[in-house]
Amino acid sequence: GTVMPLAIGRERSKKMLKDNEEKQMIFGLVAQKNAAIEDPGPRDLYRVGSAASVLKIIKMPQGTLNIIVHSVMRFKVKEFISRNPYIKARVAPLPVKVRNTKKLQALLVNVRDTAHQVISLSPNAPEEAGMLLENIQDPSALADFLAATLNITIEEKQALLEEQDTYKRLEKISLALANQLEVLELSNKIQGQVRDSIDKTQREYFLQEELKAIQAELGQ
């Protein structure tokens, strides 16, 4: 469900886009296990990824491509079948599991509440984030939206992508949000203490300067 920009620089990735430019293209996105590998093969890739459609391709002057993609479905790689001119694989859809229980509804309320608090304390959070949070009613879609915004490692995000059970995914997201909220609250508390310390120092400085001026006027 996520819409994201991607920068495409590798030649075989650009060839894949060029070969399919005229089609209503759906292609697979998988994460690398090690981002430092420039020419990854099947062993360097996770086997659960996301099928995505290309919404827009922007050709940049330096030769790279910027694309806007819309993720539409999880999939699992059954078999990698070629590496050149670009990686191809046989895949199968990976459906999500949702059991709409009272327990799930209670968890949803808790996750939304924590997410709103995180948004309110995050200085760079867009204004529409809170509105988006309320508009997403599907539990699995909400979990995926929050997972995409969490400040966690690639390995942790991959684990969330691979988790088909929506309740378990929301549980992990709830824990990650609680940790993020704790860090933000502590950060804001420290910033407040620093501001108070600076204000106190400034007040003392101005008072000392005023006292010097009065003493000078009195000839002391």
N, C-alpha and C. Protein backbone atom coordinates (compact mmCIF):
# COMPACT_ATOMS: atom_id res chain seq x y z
N GLY A 1 0.80 -1.22 0.00
CA GLY A 1 0.00 0.00 0.00
C GLY A 1 0.83 1.27 0.00
N THR A 2 2.12 1.16 0.22
CA THR A 2 2.98 2.34 0.34
C THR A 2 3.41 2.88 -1.02
N VAL A 3 3.43 4.21 -1.14
CA VAL A 3 3.96 4.88 -2.34
C VAL A 3 5.31 5.48 -1.96
N MET A 4 6.35 5.13 -2.74
CA MET A 4 7.70 5.58 -2.39
C MET A 4 8.52 5.95 -3.61
N PRO A 5 9.47 6.89 -3.44
CA PRO A 5 10.42 7.19 -4.51
C PRO A 5 11.63 6.25 -4.42
N LEU A 6 12.18 5.85 -5.55
CA LEU A 6 13.40 5.03 -5.59
C LEU A 6 14.36 5.65 -6.60
N ALA A 7 15.65 5.66 -6.23
CA ALA A 7 16.69 6.11 -7.17
C ALA A 7 17.29 4.87 -7.81
N ILE A 8 17.28 4.81 -9.14
CA ILE A 8 17.77 3.65 -9.87
C ILE A 8 19.08 4.02 -10.57
N GLY A 9 20.19 3.38 -10.17
CA GLY A 9 21.49 3.70 -10.74
C GLY A 9 22.16 2.54 -11.44
N ARG A 10 21.85 1.30 -11.03
CA ARG A 10 22.50 0.13 -11.61
C ARG A 10 22.01 -0.11 -13.04
N GLU A 11 22.95 -0.50 -13.90
CA GLU A 11 22.63 -0.65 -15.33
C GLU A 11 21.55 -1.70 -15.57
N ARG A 12 21.62 -2.82 -14.87
CA ARG A 12 20.63 -3.87 -15.16
C ARG A 12 19.24 -3.48 -14.65
N SER A 13 19.20 -2.66 -13.60
CA SER A 13 17.89 -2.17 -13.13
C SER A 13 17.30 -1.19 -14.14
N LYS A 14 18.17 -0.35 -14.72
CA LYS A 14 17.71 0.60 -15.75
C LYS A 14 17.24 -0.14 -17.01
N LYS A 15 17.93 -1.26 -17.34
CA LYS A 15 17.54 -2.05 -18.51
C LYS A 15 16.18 -2.69 -18.29
N MET A 16 15.97 -3.19 -17.08
CA MET A 16 14.67 -3.80 -16.76
C MET A 16 13.54 -2.78 -16.94
N LEU A 17 13.76 -1.56 -16.47
CA LEU A 17 12.75 -0.51 -16.63
C LEU A 17 12.52 -0.16 -18.09
N LYS A 18 13.64 -0.08 -18.85
CA LYS A 18 13.54 0.27 -20.27
C LYS A 18 12.79 -0.80 -21.06
N ASP A 19 13.10 -2.07 -20.78
CA ASP A 19 12.46 -3.18 -21.50
C ASP A 19 10.95 -3.25 -21.25
N ASN A 20 10.53 -2.72 -20.11
CA ASN A 20 9.12 -2.83 -19.74
C ASN A 20 8.39 -1.49 -19.71
N GLU A 21 9.06 -0.47 -20.29
CA GLU A 21 8.52 0.90 -20.22
C GLU A 21 7.14 1.02 -20.85
N GLU A 22 6.91 0.28 -21.93
CA GLU A 22 5.65 0.41 -22.66
C GLU A 22 4.52 -0.40 -22.02
N LYS A 23 4.85 -1.26 -21.10
CA LYS A 23 3.84 -2.15 -20.50
C LYS A 23 3.31 -1.55 -19.20
N GLN A 24 2.18 -2.10 -18.75
CA GLN A 24 1.67 -1.75 -17.43
C GLN A 24 2.49 -2.58 -16.43
N MET A 25 3.65 -2.05 -16.07
CA MET A 25 4.66 -2.87 -15.43
C MET A 25 4.43 -3.13 -13.94
N ILE A 26 4.50 -4.40 -13.58
CA ILE A 26 4.57 -4.80 -12.17
C ILE A 26 5.90 -5.54 -12.02
N PHE A 27 6.71 -5.13 -11.06
CA PHE A 27 7.98 -5.84 -10.86
C PHE A 27 8.19 -6.08 -9.37
N GLY A 28 9.19 -6.89 -9.06
CA GLY A 28 9.43 -7.28 -7.66
C GLY A 28 10.52 -6.46 -7.01
N LEU A 29 10.26 -6.06 -5.78
CA LEU A 29 11.26 -5.36 -4.97
C LEU A 29 11.66 -6.27 -3.80
N VAL A 30 12.95 -6.56 -3.70
CA VAL A 30 13.45 -7.31 -2.54
C VAL A 30 14.65 -6.58 -1.96
N ALA A 31 14.85 -6.71 -0.67
CA ALA A 31 15.97 -6.04 -0.01
C ALA A 31 17.24 -6.88 -0.11
N GLN A 32 18.39 -6.19 -0.12
CA GLN A 32 19.68 -6.87 -0.05
C GLN A 32 20.01 -7.16 1.41
N LYS A 33 20.67 -8.29 1.64
CA LYS A 33 21.11 -8.60 3.00
C LYS A 33 22.29 -7.72 3.40
N ASN A 34 23.10 -7.35 2.43
CA ASN A 34 24.24 -6.48 2.67
C ASN A 34 24.22 -5.38 1.61
N ALA A 35 23.94 -4.16 2.03
CA ALA A 35 23.78 -3.04 1.09
C ALA A 35 25.07 -2.67 0.37
N ALA A 36 26.22 -3.13 0.90
CA ALA A 36 27.51 -2.75 0.32
C ALA A 36 27.82 -3.52 -0.96
N ILE A 37 27.13 -4.63 -1.21
CA ILE A 37 27.40 -5.43 -2.41
C ILE A 37 26.81 -4.73 -3.63
N GLU A 38 27.68 -4.41 -4.59
CA GLU A 38 27.25 -3.61 -5.75
C GLU A 38 26.49 -4.45 -6.78
N ASP A 39 26.86 -5.72 -6.90
CA ASP A 39 26.24 -6.57 -7.93
C ASP A 39 25.63 -7.81 -7.25
N PRO A 40 24.51 -7.65 -6.57
CA PRO A 40 23.98 -8.76 -5.76
C PRO A 40 23.44 -9.90 -6.62
N GLY A 41 23.65 -11.11 -6.13
CA GLY A 41 23.07 -12.30 -6.74
C GLY A 41 21.97 -12.84 -5.84
N PRO A 42 21.36 -13.95 -6.22
CA PRO A 42 20.26 -14.52 -5.44
C PRO A 42 20.58 -14.75 -3.96
N ARG A 43 21.83 -15.17 -3.67
CA ARG A 43 22.20 -15.44 -2.28
C ARG A 43 22.23 -14.17 -1.42
N ASP A 44 22.37 -13.03 -2.08
CA ASP A 44 22.49 -11.76 -1.36
C ASP A 44 21.13 -11.10 -1.11
N LEU A 45 20.04 -11.75 -1.54
CA LEU A 45 18.71 -11.14 -1.46
C LEU A 45 17.79 -11.90 -0.53
N TYR A 46 16.90 -11.17 0.13
CA TYR A 46 15.83 -11.80 0.90
C TYR A 46 14.83 -12.42 -0.06
N ARG A 47 14.12 -13.44 0.40
CA ARG A 47 13.21 -14.16 -0.49
C ARG A 47 11.75 -13.71 -0.34
N VAL A 48 11.48 -12.78 0.55
CA VAL A 48 10.13 -12.19 0.63
C VAL A 48 10.25 -10.72 0.28
N GLY A 49 9.41 -10.29 -0.66
CA GLY A 49 9.47 -8.91 -1.11
C GLY A 49 8.09 -8.38 -1.42
N SER A 50 8.08 -7.30 -2.20
CA SER A 50 6.82 -6.64 -2.52
C SER A 50 6.71 -6.41 -4.02
N ALA A 51 5.58 -6.79 -4.58
CA ALA A 51 5.30 -6.47 -5.99
C ALA A 51 4.87 -5.01 -6.06
N ALA A 52 5.38 -4.30 -7.06
CA ALA A 52 5.10 -2.86 -7.14
C ALA A 52 4.83 -2.44 -8.58
N SER A 53 3.99 -1.42 -8.71
CA SER A 53 3.75 -0.83 -10.03
C SER A 53 4.47 0.51 -10.10
N VAL A 54 4.90 0.87 -11.30
CA VAL A 54 5.60 2.14 -11.51
C VAL A 54 4.57 3.22 -11.83
N LEU A 55 4.52 4.26 -11.03
CA LEU A 55 3.60 5.36 -11.26
C LEU A 55 4.22 6.44 -12.15
N LYS A 56 5.55 6.63 -12.00
CA LYS A 56 6.21 7.70 -12.75
C LYS A 56 7.70 7.41 -12.87
N ILE A 57 8.29 7.72 -14.01
CA ILE A 57 9.74 7.61 -14.22
C ILE A 57 10.28 8.99 -14.56
N ILE A 58 11.29 9.43 -13.80
CA ILE A 58 11.90 10.75 -14.04
C ILE A 58 13.37 10.52 -14.39
N LYS A 59 13.78 10.91 -15.60
CA LYS A 59 15.17 10.73 -16.05
C LYS A 59 15.99 11.92 -15.57
N MET A 60 17.07 11.62 -14.81
CA MET A 60 17.91 12.66 -14.23
C MET A 60 19.11 12.94 -15.15
N PRO A 61 19.65 14.16 -15.11
CA PRO A 61 20.77 14.54 -16.00
C PRO A 61 22.00 13.65 -15.84
N GLN A 62 22.29 13.20 -14.62
CA GLN A 62 23.50 12.41 -14.38
C GLN A 62 23.36 10.94 -14.77
N GLY A 63 22.25 10.57 -15.38
CA GLY A 63 22.08 9.21 -15.87
C GLY A 63 21.25 8.30 -15.00
N THR A 64 20.99 8.70 -13.77
CA THR A 64 20.16 7.89 -12.89
C THR A 64 18.68 8.13 -13.22
N LEU A 65 17.85 7.23 -12.72
CA LEU A 65 16.41 7.37 -12.88
C LEU A 65 15.78 7.48 -11.50
N ASN A 66 14.85 8.38 -11.35
CA ASN A 66 14.03 8.42 -10.13
C ASN A 66 12.65 7.90 -10.49
N ILE A 67 12.18 6.91 -9.75
CA ILE A 67 10.86 6.36 -10.05
C ILE A 67 9.98 6.44 -8.81
N ILE A 68 8.69 6.59 -9.04
CA ILE A 68 7.71 6.54 -7.96
C ILE A 68 6.99 5.20 -8.09
N VAL A 69 7.01 4.41 -7.03
CA VAL A 69 6.40 3.08 -7.09
C VAL A 69 5.29 2.94 -6.05
N HIS A 70 4.33 2.10 -6.38
CA HIS A 70 3.22 1.80 -5.47
C HIS A 70 3.26 0.30 -5.17
N SER A 71 3.49 -0.04 -3.91
CA SER A 71 3.55 -1.45 -3.52
C SER A 71 2.14 -2.03 -3.47
N VAL A 72 1.96 -3.20 -4.10
CA VAL A 72 0.60 -3.75 -4.22
C VAL A 72 0.40 -5.11 -3.53
N MET A 73 1.49 -5.88 -3.33
CA MET A 73 1.29 -7.22 -2.75
C MET A 73 2.61 -7.82 -2.27
N ARG A 74 2.53 -8.56 -1.16
CA ARG A 74 3.68 -9.36 -0.74
C ARG A 74 3.83 -10.57 -1.65
N PHE A 75 5.09 -11.01 -1.81
CA PHE A 75 5.31 -12.27 -2.53
C PHE A 75 6.49 -13.01 -1.91
N LYS A 76 6.56 -14.30 -2.22
CA LYS A 76 7.70 -15.12 -1.80
C LYS A 76 8.38 -15.67 -3.04
N VAL A 77 9.70 -15.58 -3.09
CA VAL A 77 10.46 -16.14 -4.22
C VAL A 77 10.50 -17.65 -4.08
N LYS A 78 9.99 -18.35 -5.08
CA LYS A 78 10.04 -19.82 -5.09
C LYS A 78 11.35 -20.30 -5.71
N GLU A 79 11.82 -19.53 -6.73
CA GLU A 79 13.05 -19.94 -7.42
C GLU A 79 13.58 -18.77 -8.24
N PHE A 80 14.88 -18.49 -8.09
CA PHE A 80 15.53 -17.53 -8.97
C PHE A 80 15.88 -18.26 -10.27
N ILE A 81 15.52 -17.68 -11.42
CA ILE A 81 15.70 -18.41 -12.69
C ILE A 81 16.74 -17.78 -13.61
N SER A 82 17.09 -16.51 -13.40
CA SER A 82 18.17 -15.93 -14.21
C SER A 82 18.73 -14.70 -13.50
N ARG A 83 19.97 -14.35 -13.89
CA ARG A 83 20.63 -13.19 -13.29
C ARG A 83 20.88 -12.09 -14.32
N ASN A 84 20.95 -12.49 -15.58
CA ASN A 84 21.20 -11.53 -16.66
C ASN A 84 20.11 -11.59 -17.71
N PRO A 85 19.75 -10.46 -18.35
CA PRO A 85 20.32 -9.12 -18.15
C PRO A 85 19.91 -8.48 -16.82
N TYR A 86 18.92 -9.08 -16.15
CA TYR A 86 18.55 -8.65 -14.79
C TYR A 86 17.93 -9.86 -14.10
N ILE A 87 17.82 -9.78 -12.79
CA ILE A 87 17.35 -10.93 -12.01
C ILE A 87 15.88 -11.21 -12.29
N LYS A 88 15.59 -12.49 -12.55
CA LYS A 88 14.20 -12.92 -12.72
C LYS A 88 13.94 -14.08 -11.77
N ALA A 89 12.69 -14.21 -11.36
CA ALA A 89 12.35 -15.28 -10.40
C ALA A 89 10.90 -15.71 -10.58
N ARG A 90 10.63 -16.95 -10.18
CA ARG A 90 9.24 -17.41 -10.06
C ARG A 90 8.80 -17.09 -8.64
N VAL A 91 7.64 -16.47 -8.53
CA VAL A 91 7.17 -16.05 -7.21
C VAL A 91 5.74 -16.51 -6.96
N ALA A 92 5.35 -16.48 -5.69
CA ALA A 92 3.97 -16.80 -5.31
C ALA A 92 3.47 -15.71 -4.38
N PRO A 93 2.20 -15.31 -4.51
CA PRO A 93 1.63 -14.31 -3.58
C PRO A 93 1.72 -14.80 -2.14
N LEU A 94 1.91 -13.86 -1.24
CA LEU A 94 1.99 -14.18 0.19
C LEU A 94 0.82 -13.46 0.88
N PRO A 95 -0.33 -14.13 1.01
CA PRO A 95 -1.50 -13.45 1.57
C PRO A 95 -1.35 -13.16 3.06
N VAL A 96 -1.97 -12.08 3.50
CA VAL A 96 -1.94 -11.74 4.93
C VAL A 96 -3.15 -12.37 5.63
N LYS A 97 -3.00 -12.59 6.94
CA LYS A 97 -4.07 -13.22 7.72
C LYS A 97 -4.61 -12.20 8.72
N VAL A 98 -5.93 -12.00 8.69
CA VAL A 98 -6.57 -11.05 9.62
C VAL A 98 -7.77 -11.72 10.27
N ARG A 99 -7.74 -11.82 11.61
CA ARG A 99 -8.92 -12.30 12.35
C ARG A 99 -9.42 -11.13 13.18
N ASN A 100 -10.58 -10.59 12.80
CA ASN A 100 -11.09 -9.37 13.40
C ASN A 100 -11.72 -9.65 14.77
N THR A 101 -10.87 -9.74 15.79
CA THR A 101 -11.32 -10.05 17.15
C THR A 101 -11.30 -8.79 18.01
N LYS A 102 -11.89 -8.88 19.21
CA LYS A 102 -11.86 -7.75 20.16
C LYS A 102 -10.42 -7.44 20.57
N LYS A 103 -9.62 -8.51 20.66
CA LYS A 103 -8.21 -8.34 21.02
C LYS A 103 -7.48 -7.50 19.97
N LEU A 104 -7.78 -7.77 18.68
CA LEU A 104 -7.18 -7.00 17.59
C LEU A 104 -7.64 -5.56 17.64
N GLN A 105 -8.95 -5.34 17.90
CA GLN A 105 -9.48 -3.97 17.96
C GLN A 105 -8.84 -3.18 19.09
N ALA A 106 -8.63 -3.85 20.24
CA ALA A 106 -7.98 -3.18 21.39
C ALA A 106 -6.54 -2.81 21.06
N LEU A 107 -5.85 -3.72 20.36
CA LEU A 107 -4.47 -3.45 19.96
C LEU A 107 -4.41 -2.29 18.96
N LEU A 108 -5.39 -2.23 18.05
CA LEU A 108 -5.46 -1.13 17.07
C LEU A 108 -5.60 0.22 17.76
N VAL A 109 -6.46 0.28 18.77
CA VAL A 109 -6.66 1.53 19.52
C VAL A 109 -5.34 1.96 20.17
N ASN A 110 -4.66 0.99 20.78
CA ASN A 110 -3.39 1.28 21.46
C ASN A 110 -2.33 1.76 20.47
N VAL A 111 -2.24 1.09 19.32
CA VAL A 111 -1.23 1.43 18.31
C VAL A 111 -1.51 2.83 17.73
N ARG A 112 -2.77 3.13 17.42
CA ARG A 112 -3.11 4.47 16.89
C ARG A 112 -2.75 5.56 17.89
N ASP A 113 -3.09 5.33 19.17
CA ASP A 113 -2.83 6.32 20.21
C ASP A 113 -1.33 6.59 20.34
N THR A 114 -0.53 5.52 20.39
CA THR A 114 0.93 5.67 20.50
C THR A 114 1.49 6.37 19.26
N ALA A 115 0.99 5.98 18.07
CA ALA A 115 1.46 6.59 16.82
C ALA A 115 1.17 8.08 16.79
N HIS A 116 -0.02 8.50 17.28
CA HIS A 116 -0.36 9.92 17.33
C HIS A 116 0.61 10.67 18.24
N GLN A 117 0.96 10.05 19.37
CA GLN A 117 1.92 10.69 20.29
C GLN A 117 3.29 10.83 19.66
N VAL A 118 3.71 9.79 18.93
CA VAL A 118 5.01 9.83 18.23
C VAL A 118 5.00 10.95 17.19
N ILE A 119 3.91 11.06 16.43
CA ILE A 119 3.80 12.10 15.39
C ILE A 119 3.86 13.49 16.02
N SER A 120 3.17 13.67 17.14
CA SER A 120 3.13 15.00 17.78
C SER A 120 4.50 15.42 18.32
N LEU A 121 5.34 14.44 18.66
CA LEU A 121 6.66 14.76 19.21
C LEU A 121 7.76 14.77 18.15
N SER A 122 7.44 14.30 16.94
CA SER A 122 8.44 14.23 15.87
C SER A 122 8.49 15.55 15.12
N PRO A 123 9.64 16.24 15.14
CA PRO A 123 9.72 17.58 14.52
C PRO A 123 9.51 17.57 13.01
N ASN A 124 9.88 16.47 12.33
CA ASN A 124 9.80 16.44 10.86
C ASN A 124 8.58 15.68 10.33
N ALA A 125 7.67 15.31 11.21
CA ALA A 125 6.49 14.56 10.76
C ALA A 125 5.57 15.47 9.94
N PRO A 126 5.13 15.01 8.75
CA PRO A 126 4.22 15.85 7.95
C PRO A 126 2.87 16.02 8.63
N GLU A 127 2.23 17.16 8.37
CA GLU A 127 0.95 17.48 9.03
C GLU A 127 -0.13 16.45 8.72
N GLU A 128 -0.09 15.89 7.49
CA GLU A 128 -1.16 14.97 7.09
C GLU A 128 -0.99 13.56 7.66
N ALA A 129 0.11 13.30 8.37
CA ALA A 129 0.38 11.95 8.88
C ALA A 129 -0.73 11.49 9.84
N GLY A 130 -1.15 12.39 10.73
CA GLY A 130 -2.20 12.05 11.69
C GLY A 130 -3.52 11.75 11.01
N MET A 131 -3.82 12.51 9.95
CA MET A 131 -5.07 12.30 9.20
C MET A 131 -5.04 10.95 8.47
N LEU A 132 -3.88 10.63 7.88
CA LEU A 132 -3.71 9.35 7.20
C LEU A 132 -3.92 8.20 8.17
N LEU A 133 -3.40 8.38 9.35
CA LEU A 133 -3.50 7.35 10.40
C LEU A 133 -4.95 7.02 10.72
N GLU A 134 -5.80 8.03 10.74
CA GLU A 134 -7.22 7.82 11.05
C GLU A 134 -7.99 7.26 9.86
N ASN A 135 -7.53 7.58 8.65
CA ASN A 135 -8.27 7.15 7.46
C ASN A 135 -8.03 5.70 7.07
N ILE A 136 -6.93 5.11 7.55
CA ILE A 136 -6.64 3.72 7.20
C ILE A 136 -7.37 2.81 8.18
N GLN A 137 -8.39 2.12 7.69
CA GLN A 137 -9.22 1.28 8.55
C GLN A 137 -8.78 -0.18 8.56
N ASP A 138 -8.20 -0.65 7.47
CA ASP A 138 -7.78 -2.05 7.39
C ASP A 138 -6.57 -2.29 8.30
N PRO A 139 -6.65 -3.23 9.25
CA PRO A 139 -5.56 -3.44 10.21
C PRO A 139 -4.22 -3.76 9.56
N SER A 140 -4.23 -4.60 8.52
CA SER A 140 -2.98 -4.97 7.84
C SER A 140 -2.37 -3.77 7.13
N ALA A 141 -3.21 -2.97 6.47
CA ALA A 141 -2.74 -1.77 5.77
C ALA A 141 -2.16 -0.76 6.75
N LEU A 142 -2.81 -0.62 7.91
CA LEU A 142 -2.31 0.30 8.94
C LEU A 142 -0.95 -0.17 9.45
N ALA A 143 -0.83 -1.48 9.67
CA ALA A 143 0.45 -2.03 10.13
C ALA A 143 1.56 -1.74 9.12
N ASP A 144 1.27 -1.91 7.84
CA ASP A 144 2.27 -1.67 6.79
C ASP A 144 2.63 -0.18 6.68
N PHE A 145 1.63 0.69 6.82
CA PHE A 145 1.89 2.14 6.77
C PHE A 145 2.83 2.54 7.91
N LEU A 146 2.57 2.03 9.11
CA LEU A 146 3.40 2.38 10.26
C LEU A 146 4.79 1.75 10.14
N ALA A 147 4.85 0.52 9.65
CA ALA A 147 6.14 -0.17 9.50
C ALA A 147 7.07 0.62 8.58
N ALA A 148 6.49 1.23 7.53
CA ALA A 148 7.30 1.99 6.57
C ALA A 148 7.88 3.25 7.19
N THR A 149 7.25 3.76 8.24
CA THR A 149 7.69 5.03 8.83
C THR A 149 8.56 4.84 10.08
N LEU A 150 8.64 3.62 10.59
CA LEU A 150 9.39 3.37 11.83
C LEU A 150 10.89 3.53 11.62
N ASN A 151 11.55 4.06 12.65
CA ASN A 151 13.00 4.21 12.62
C ASN A 151 13.65 2.93 13.17
N ILE A 152 13.63 1.87 12.35
CA ILE A 152 14.18 0.57 12.75
C ILE A 152 15.09 0.04 11.65
N THR A 153 15.81 -1.04 11.92
CA THR A 153 16.77 -1.57 10.96
C THR A 153 16.06 -2.26 9.79
N ILE A 154 16.82 -2.48 8.71
CA ILE A 154 16.31 -3.21 7.55
C ILE A 154 15.89 -4.62 7.96
N GLU A 155 16.69 -5.25 8.83
CA GLU A 155 16.38 -6.61 9.27
C GLU A 155 15.02 -6.65 9.99
N GLU A 156 14.77 -5.64 10.84
CA GLU A 156 13.50 -5.57 11.57
C GLU A 156 12.33 -5.30 10.62
N LYS A 157 12.56 -4.43 9.63
CA LYS A 157 11.50 -4.16 8.64
C LYS A 157 11.22 -5.41 7.80
N GLN A 158 12.28 -6.14 7.46
CA GLN A 158 12.10 -7.36 6.69
C GLN A 158 11.27 -8.38 7.48
N ALA A 159 11.53 -8.47 8.78
CA ALA A 159 10.76 -9.39 9.64
C ALA A 159 9.27 -9.01 9.64
N LEU A 160 8.99 -7.71 9.64
CA LEU A 160 7.60 -7.25 9.60
C LEU A 160 6.96 -7.58 8.25
N LEU A 161 7.74 -7.44 7.17
CA LEU A 161 7.23 -7.76 5.84
C LEU A 161 6.89 -9.25 5.73
N GLU A 162 7.71 -10.09 6.35
CA GLU A 162 7.53 -11.53 6.26
C GLU A 162 6.41 -12.05 7.17
N GLU A 163 6.01 -11.25 8.16
CA GLU A 163 4.97 -11.69 9.10
C GLU A 163 3.58 -11.58 8.46
N GLN A 164 2.98 -12.73 8.19
CA GLN A 164 1.66 -12.75 7.55
C GLN A 164 0.52 -12.48 8.52
N ASP A 165 0.71 -12.84 9.78
CA ASP A 165 -0.34 -12.66 10.79
C ASP A 165 -0.40 -11.18 11.21
N THR A 166 -1.51 -10.53 10.91
CA THR A 166 -1.64 -9.09 11.17
C THR A 166 -1.53 -8.75 12.65
N TYR A 167 -2.12 -9.59 13.50
CA TYR A 167 -2.06 -9.31 14.94
C TYR A 167 -0.61 -9.32 15.43
N LYS A 168 0.16 -10.34 15.02
CA LYS A 168 1.56 -10.44 15.45
C LYS A 168 2.37 -9.26 14.91
N ARG A 169 2.07 -8.85 13.68
CA ARG A 169 2.77 -7.71 13.08
C ARG A 169 2.48 -6.44 13.87
N LEU A 170 1.22 -6.24 14.22
CA LEU A 170 0.84 -5.04 15.01
C LEU A 170 1.46 -5.07 16.40
N GLU A 171 1.60 -6.26 16.97
CA GLU A 171 2.26 -6.38 18.29
C GLU A 171 3.70 -5.88 18.22
N LYS A 172 4.42 -6.32 17.18
CA LYS A 172 5.82 -5.89 17.01
C LYS A 172 5.90 -4.39 16.76
N ILE A 173 4.95 -3.87 15.99
CA ILE A 173 4.93 -2.43 15.69
C ILE A 173 4.61 -1.62 16.95
N SER A 174 3.71 -2.16 17.76
CA SER A 174 3.35 -1.50 19.03
C SER A 174 4.58 -1.35 19.93
N LEU A 175 5.39 -2.41 19.99
CA LEU A 175 6.61 -2.38 20.80
C LEU A 175 7.62 -1.38 20.24
N ALA A 176 7.78 -1.38 18.91
CA ALA A 176 8.72 -0.44 18.28
C ALA A 176 8.26 1.01 18.47
N LEU A 177 6.95 1.25 18.37
CA LEU A 177 6.41 2.60 18.59
C LEU A 177 6.63 3.06 20.03
N ALA A 178 6.43 2.13 20.99
CA ALA A 178 6.62 2.46 22.40
C ALA A 178 8.07 2.86 22.66
N ASN A 179 9.02 2.14 22.04
CA ASN A 179 10.44 2.47 22.19
C ASN A 179 10.74 3.83 21.58
N GLN A 180 10.16 4.09 20.40
CA GLN A 180 10.38 5.36 19.71
C GLN A 180 9.81 6.51 20.53
N LEU A 181 8.62 6.29 21.12
CA LEU A 181 7.98 7.33 21.94
C LEU A 181 8.84 7.64 23.17
N GLU A 182 9.38 6.60 23.79
CA GLU A 182 10.23 6.78 24.97
C GLU A 182 11.46 7.63 24.63
N VAL A 183 12.08 7.35 23.48
CA VAL A 183 13.26 8.11 23.05
C VAL A 183 12.89 9.56 22.78
N LEU A 184 11.76 9.78 22.09
CA LEU A 184 11.32 11.15 21.78
C LEU A 184 10.99 11.95 23.04
N GLU A 185 10.31 11.30 24.00
CA GLU A 185 9.98 11.98 25.27
C GLU A 185 11.25 12.36 26.02
N LEU A 186 12.22 11.44 26.05
CA LEU A 186 13.49 11.72 26.73
C LEU A 186 14.24 12.84 26.03
N SER A 187 14.23 12.80 24.68
CA SER A 187 14.90 13.85 23.89
C SER A 187 14.29 15.21 24.16
N ASN A 188 12.94 15.27 24.19
CA ASN A 188 12.25 16.54 24.46
C ASN A 188 12.54 17.04 25.87
N LYS A 189 12.63 16.11 26.83
CA LYS A 189 12.92 16.47 28.22
C LYS A 189 14.33 17.09 28.32
N ILE A 190 15.30 16.46 27.62
CA ILE A 190 16.67 16.96 27.63
C ILE A 190 16.74 18.33 26.97
N GLN A 191 16.03 18.49 25.83
CA GLN A 191 16.01 19.79 25.15
C GLN A 191 15.44 20.88 26.06
N GLY A 192 14.38 20.52 26.80
CA GLY A 192 13.76 21.46 27.73
C GLY A 192 14.73 21.88 28.83
N GLN A 193 15.48 20.89 29.36
CA GLN A 193 16.46 21.19 30.42
C GLN A 193 17.57 22.08 29.89
N VAL A 194 18.01 21.82 28.65
CA VAL A 194 19.07 22.64 28.03
C VAL A 194 18.57 24.07 27.84
N ARG A 195 17.32 24.20 27.35
CA ARG A 195 16.74 25.55 27.15
C ARG A 195 16.65 26.30 28.48
N ASP A 196 16.19 25.61 29.52
CA ASP A 196 16.08 26.24 30.85
C ASP A 196 17.43 26.69 31.35
N SER A 197 18.46 25.85 31.12
CA SER A 197 19.82 26.19 31.55
C SER A 197 20.34 27.41 30.82
N ILE A 198 20.08 27.46 29.49
CA ILE A 198 20.52 28.61 28.68
C ILE A 198 19.79 29.87 29.13
N ASP A 199 18.45 29.76 29.36
CA ASP A 199 17.66 30.92 29.80
C ASP A 199 18.18 31.46 31.13
N LYS A 200 18.52 30.53 32.04
CA LYS A 200 19.01 30.94 33.37
C LYS A 200 20.35 31.66 33.22
N THR A 201 21.24 31.11 32.39
CA THR A 201 22.57 31.72 32.16
C THR A 201 22.41 33.11 31.54
N GLN A 202 21.48 33.22 30.56
CA GLN A 202 21.26 34.52 29.91
C GLN A 202 20.72 35.55 30.90
N ARG A 203 19.79 35.12 31.76
CA ARG A 203 19.23 36.04 32.77
C ARG A 203 20.32 36.54 33.71
N GLU A 204 21.16 35.60 34.14
CA GLU A 204 22.25 35.99 35.05
C GLU A 204 23.21 36.97 34.38
N TYR A 205 23.50 36.73 33.09
CA TYR A 205 24.41 37.61 32.35
C TYR A 205 23.82 39.02 32.25
N PHE A 206 22.54 39.13 31.87
CA PHE A 206 21.91 40.45 31.73
C PHE A 206 21.84 41.18 33.07
N LEU A 207 21.53 40.43 34.14
CA LEU A 207 21.48 41.06 35.47
C LEU A 207 22.85 41.59 35.89
N GLN A 208 23.91 40.79 35.59
CA GLN A 208 25.27 41.23 35.92
C GLN A 208 25.63 42.50 35.14
N GLU A 209 25.24 42.55 33.85
CA GLU A 209 25.52 43.72 33.03
C GLU A 209 24.76 44.95 33.54
N GLU A 210 23.49 44.73 33.95
CA GLU A 210 22.68 45.82 34.52
C GLU A 210 23.32 46.35 35.80
N LEU A 211 23.79 45.42 36.63
CA LEU A 211 24.43 45.81 37.90
C LEU A 211 25.69 46.63 37.65
N LYS A 212 26.47 46.21 36.66
CA LYS A 212 27.68 46.97 36.31
C LYS A 212 27.32 48.39 35.87
N ALA A 213 26.26 48.52 35.04
CA ALA A 213 25.84 49.83 34.55
C ALA A 213 25.38 50.73 35.70
N ILE A 214 24.62 50.15 36.64
CA ILE A 214 24.16 50.93 37.81
C ILE A 214 25.33 51.39 38.65
N GLN A 215 26.28 50.45 38.88
CA GLN A 215 27.46 50.79 39.67
C GLN A 215 28.27 51.92 39.00
N ALA A 216 28.36 51.86 37.66
CA ALA A 216 29.11 52.90 36.91
C ALA A 216 28.41 54.24 37.08
N GLU A 217 27.04 54.25 37.04
CA GLU A 217 26.28 55.47 37.19
C GLU A 217 26.50 56.08 38.58
N LEU A 218 26.61 55.19 39.56
CA LEU A 218 26.78 55.67 40.94
C LEU A 218 28.24 55.98 41.26
N GLY A 219 29.11 55.75 40.30
CA GLY A 219 30.52 56.03 40.50
C GLY A 219 31.22 55.02 41.37
N GLN A 220 30.68 53.84 41.48
CA GLN A 220 31.30 52.80 42.33
C GLN A 220 32.18 51.90 41.45
